[in-house]
């Protein structure tokens, strides 16, 4: 079997993206205003609670995406310097951690054959360790110095997620919601549906 080419991979990605379809934007009246009904979920029945959350995530997914973008944009407008600084620090820490574990997973025998000898590999590993150490020290210093910016960045990300989860937990499903989930379950996959499938999260039934 021949190895897949870059063209075939790009064609597969294009086909996958072509199968995704964004769900309709629900009206504001249906989302939070007059016809919307809210009720605390039964905290003892996690299956029913989770089923309500999943169905609302699928039904209102476009509203949630728009809500996420609006809240995130407002937070960035209010605190642009802190959020950008926090994102840079987080990206640096993630890069250092990623480089550390990726270097641990490299087989030394194969690396020595590719580079032409153990001495060269040892020298490269020593240099890489110094780079990782320097990145870790820099990341730790920036994290302590800009901890308020890092916390604000995390809060900016968690706030719209929390608002989405609270709405999905409290919003009672009406007949239109149930029928729409039934119809859309036979249609093209949506971004939220693909995400929930990747996380192996599924509702018990379409009409329930």
Protein backbone atom coordinates (compact mmCIF):
# COMPACT_ATOMS: atom_id res chain seq x y z
CA UNK A 1 0.00 0.00 0.00
CA UNK A 2 1.47 3.35 -1.02
CA UNK A 3 1.88 6.15 1.47
CA UNK A 4 -0.74 8.90 1.26
CA UNK A 5 0.43 11.98 -0.58
CA UNK A 6 -0.07 15.57 0.52
CA UNK A 7 -2.72 15.99 -2.18
CA UNK A 8 -4.74 13.03 -0.90
CA UNK A 9 -4.55 14.31 2.67
CA UNK A 10 -5.72 17.75 1.60
CA UNK A 11 -8.54 16.19 -0.44
CA UNK A 12 -9.66 14.19 2.60
CA UNK A 13 -9.59 17.30 4.79
CA UNK A 14 -11.60 19.20 2.20
CA UNK A 15 -14.14 16.40 2.00
CA UNK A 16 -14.45 16.32 5.78
CA UNK A 17 -14.92 20.08 5.98
CA UNK A 18 -17.45 19.89 3.17
CA UNK A 19 -19.56 17.47 5.19
CA UNK A 20 -19.83 19.91 8.11
CA UNK A 21 -22.72 22.34 8.11
CA UNK A 22 -23.34 25.09 10.64
CA UNK A 23 -26.68 24.80 12.43
CA UNK A 24 -29.20 27.64 11.98
CA UNK A 25 -28.99 30.65 14.28
CA UNK A 26 -31.89 30.47 16.74
CA UNK A 27 -33.90 33.58 17.47
CA UNK A 28 -33.21 35.68 20.54
CA UNK A 29 -36.75 35.02 21.73
CA UNK A 30 -36.13 31.29 21.61
CA UNK A 31 -32.65 31.61 23.12
CA UNK A 32 -33.17 33.78 26.19
CA UNK A 33 -36.34 35.86 25.93
CA UNK A 34 -40.12 35.32 25.99
CA UNK A 35 -40.56 31.74 24.84
CA UNK A 36 -37.46 30.46 26.63
CA UNK A 37 -38.16 28.45 29.76
CA UNK A 38 -35.48 27.81 32.36
CA UNK A 39 -35.40 25.36 35.23
CA UNK A 40 -32.73 23.94 37.50
CA UNK A 41 -31.75 20.42 36.42
CA UNK A 42 -32.15 17.43 38.68
CA UNK A 43 -28.67 17.28 40.17
CA UNK A 44 -29.25 13.68 41.27
CA UNK A 45 -30.01 12.48 37.74
CA UNK A 46 -26.77 13.07 35.86
CA UNK A 47 -27.93 11.17 32.78
CA UNK A 48 -30.97 13.37 32.26
CA UNK A 49 -28.97 16.50 33.03
CA UNK A 50 -26.23 15.51 30.60
CA UNK A 51 -28.81 14.64 27.97
CA UNK A 52 -30.33 18.13 28.25
CA UNK A 53 -26.90 19.77 28.00
CA UNK A 54 -25.90 17.78 24.91
CA UNK A 55 -29.18 18.44 23.11
CA UNK A 56 -29.02 22.17 23.86
CA UNK A 57 -25.39 22.30 22.74
CA UNK A 58 -26.43 20.79 19.42
CA UNK A 59 -29.55 22.91 19.00
CA UNK A 60 -28.08 26.30 20.03
CA UNK A 61 -24.52 25.70 18.85
CA UNK A 62 -24.44 28.67 16.48
CA UNK A 63 -25.79 30.94 19.23
CA UNK A 64 -23.13 29.61 21.59
CA UNK A 65 -20.36 30.20 19.05
CA UNK A 66 -21.56 33.77 18.53
CA UNK A 67 -21.86 34.27 22.30
CA UNK A 68 -18.33 32.95 22.79
CA UNK A 69 -16.91 35.32 20.16
CA UNK A 70 -18.77 38.34 21.57
CA UNK A 71 -17.68 37.73 25.18
CA UNK A 72 -14.08 36.99 24.14
CA UNK A 73 -13.94 40.10 21.94
CA UNK A 74 -15.32 42.30 24.72
CA UNK A 75 -12.76 40.97 27.19
CA UNK A 76 -9.94 41.60 24.73
CA UNK A 77 -11.18 45.14 24.05
CA UNK A 78 -11.35 45.88 27.78
CA UNK A 79 -7.91 44.40 28.58
CA UNK A 80 -5.91 44.01 25.34
CA UNK A 81 -2.40 44.28 26.83
CA UNK A 82 -2.94 41.82 29.66
CA UNK A 83 -4.69 39.22 27.52
CA UNK A 84 -2.07 39.36 24.76
CA UNK A 85 0.71 39.09 27.36
CA UNK A 86 -1.04 36.17 29.01
CA UNK A 87 -1.45 34.39 25.68
CA UNK A 88 2.25 34.84 24.90
CA UNK A 89 3.26 33.40 28.29
CA UNK A 90 0.91 30.45 27.92
CA UNK A 91 2.16 29.76 24.39
CA UNK A 92 5.76 29.80 25.65
CA UNK A 93 4.99 27.39 28.50
CA UNK A 94 3.11 25.03 26.18
CA UNK A 95 5.99 25.14 23.66
CA UNK A 96 8.53 24.28 26.37
CA UNK A 97 6.44 21.39 27.69
CA UNK A 98 5.79 20.10 24.17
CA UNK A 99 9.49 20.27 23.29
CA UNK A 100 10.43 18.52 26.55
CA UNK A 101 8.15 15.54 25.99
CA UNK A 102 8.84 15.33 22.26
CA UNK A 103 12.58 15.15 22.97
CA UNK A 104 11.95 12.36 25.48
CA UNK A 105 10.04 10.32 22.91
CA UNK A 106 12.78 10.37 20.24
CA UNK A 107 14.56 7.00 19.90
CA UNK A 108 18.28 7.57 20.48
CA UNK A 109 19.35 4.64 18.24
CA UNK A 110 17.52 5.88 15.17
CA UNK A 111 18.64 9.44 15.88
CA UNK A 112 22.25 8.32 16.13
CA UNK A 113 22.02 6.54 12.77
CA UNK A 114 20.45 9.53 11.07
CA UNK A 115 22.93 12.04 12.48
CA UNK A 116 26.02 9.92 11.91
CA UNK A 117 27.14 9.04 15.41
CA UNK A 118 26.48 9.09 19.12
CA UNK A 119 28.81 12.04 19.74
CA UNK A 120 26.78 14.32 17.49
CA UNK A 121 23.53 13.12 19.05
CA UNK A 122 24.88 13.74 22.56
CA UNK A 123 25.94 17.24 21.59
CA UNK A 124 22.57 18.00 20.05
CA UNK A 125 20.76 16.60 23.10
CA UNK A 126 22.90 18.73 25.41
CA UNK A 127 22.13 21.87 23.39
CA UNK A 128 18.44 20.99 23.33
CA UNK A 129 18.42 20.54 27.11
CA UNK A 130 19.94 24.00 27.55
CA UNK A 131 17.31 25.48 25.24
CA UNK A 132 14.53 23.76 27.19
CA UNK A 133 16.04 24.92 30.49
CA UNK A 134 16.32 28.50 29.23
CA UNK A 135 12.75 28.39 27.95
CA UNK A 136 11.51 26.96 31.26
CA UNK A 137 13.29 29.65 33.27
CA UNK A 138 12.00 32.40 30.99
CA UNK A 139 8.49 30.97 31.06
CA UNK A 140 8.56 30.65 34.86
CA UNK A 141 9.79 34.21 35.29
CA UNK A 142 7.17 35.63 32.93
CA UNK A 143 4.47 33.51 34.59
CA UNK A 144 5.31 34.88 38.04
CA UNK A 145 5.78 38.41 36.75
CA UNK A 146 2.60 38.39 34.65
CA UNK A 147 0.48 35.99 36.72
CA UNK A 148 -2.43 38.43 36.73
CA UNK A 149 -2.39 38.50 32.91
CA UNK A 150 -2.26 34.69 32.74
CA UNK A 151 -5.18 34.38 35.15
CA UNK A 152 -7.15 36.98 33.20
CA UNK A 153 -6.49 35.08 29.97
CA UNK A 154 -7.71 31.85 31.56
CA UNK A 155 -10.78 33.64 32.92
CA UNK A 156 -11.47 35.12 29.47
CA UNK A 157 -11.50 31.61 28.03
CA UNK A 158 -13.51 30.01 30.84
CA UNK A 159 -16.16 32.74 31.09
CA UNK A 160 -17.96 32.05 27.77
CA UNK A 161 -17.59 28.31 28.33
CA UNK A 162 -19.19 28.65 31.77
CA UNK A 163 -22.01 30.82 30.41
CA UNK A 164 -22.65 28.26 27.67
CA UNK A 165 -22.74 25.37 30.13
CA UNK A 166 -25.08 27.24 32.51
CA UNK A 167 -27.49 28.11 29.70
CA UNK A 168 -27.42 24.55 28.32
CA UNK A 169 -28.10 23.20 31.82
CA UNK A 170 -31.01 25.52 32.61
CA UNK A 171 -32.75 25.82 29.23
CA UNK A 172 -35.75 23.51 29.00
CA UNK A 173 -36.20 21.86 25.64
CA UNK A 174 -39.42 22.55 23.74
CA UNK A 175 -41.01 20.56 20.95
CA UNK A 176 -39.27 22.66 18.29
CA UNK A 177 -35.94 21.83 19.88
CA UNK A 178 -36.72 18.11 19.88
CA UNK A 179 -38.00 18.07 16.30
CA UNK A 180 -35.03 20.09 15.06
CA UNK A 181 -32.61 17.65 16.71
CA UNK A 182 -34.49 14.78 15.10
CA UNK A 183 -34.36 16.29 11.61
CA UNK A 184 -30.76 17.51 11.85
CA UNK A 185 -29.56 14.14 13.13
CA UNK A 186 -30.22 12.72 9.64
CA UNK A 187 -28.56 15.64 7.87
CA UNK A 188 -24.92 16.76 7.52
CA UNK A 189 -22.76 16.75 10.61
CA UNK A 190 -22.38 20.03 12.49
CA UNK A 191 -19.20 21.37 14.16
CA UNK A 192 -20.61 20.76 17.65
CA UNK A 193 -21.74 17.28 16.65
CA UNK A 194 -18.27 16.47 15.32
CA UNK A 195 -16.68 17.81 18.53
CA UNK A 196 -19.00 15.77 20.75
CA UNK A 197 -18.35 12.68 18.64
CA UNK A 198 -14.60 13.21 19.02
CA UNK A 199 -15.08 13.42 22.79
CA UNK A 200 -17.32 10.32 22.65
CA UNK A 201 -20.25 12.26 24.11
CA UNK A 202 -23.69 11.31 22.87
CA UNK A 203 -27.23 11.88 24.02
CA UNK A 204 -29.44 8.96 24.93
CA UNK A 205 -32.10 9.67 22.33
CA UNK A 206 -33.14 12.27 19.82
CA UNK A 207 -36.71 12.80 20.99
CA UNK A 208 -36.04 12.27 24.72
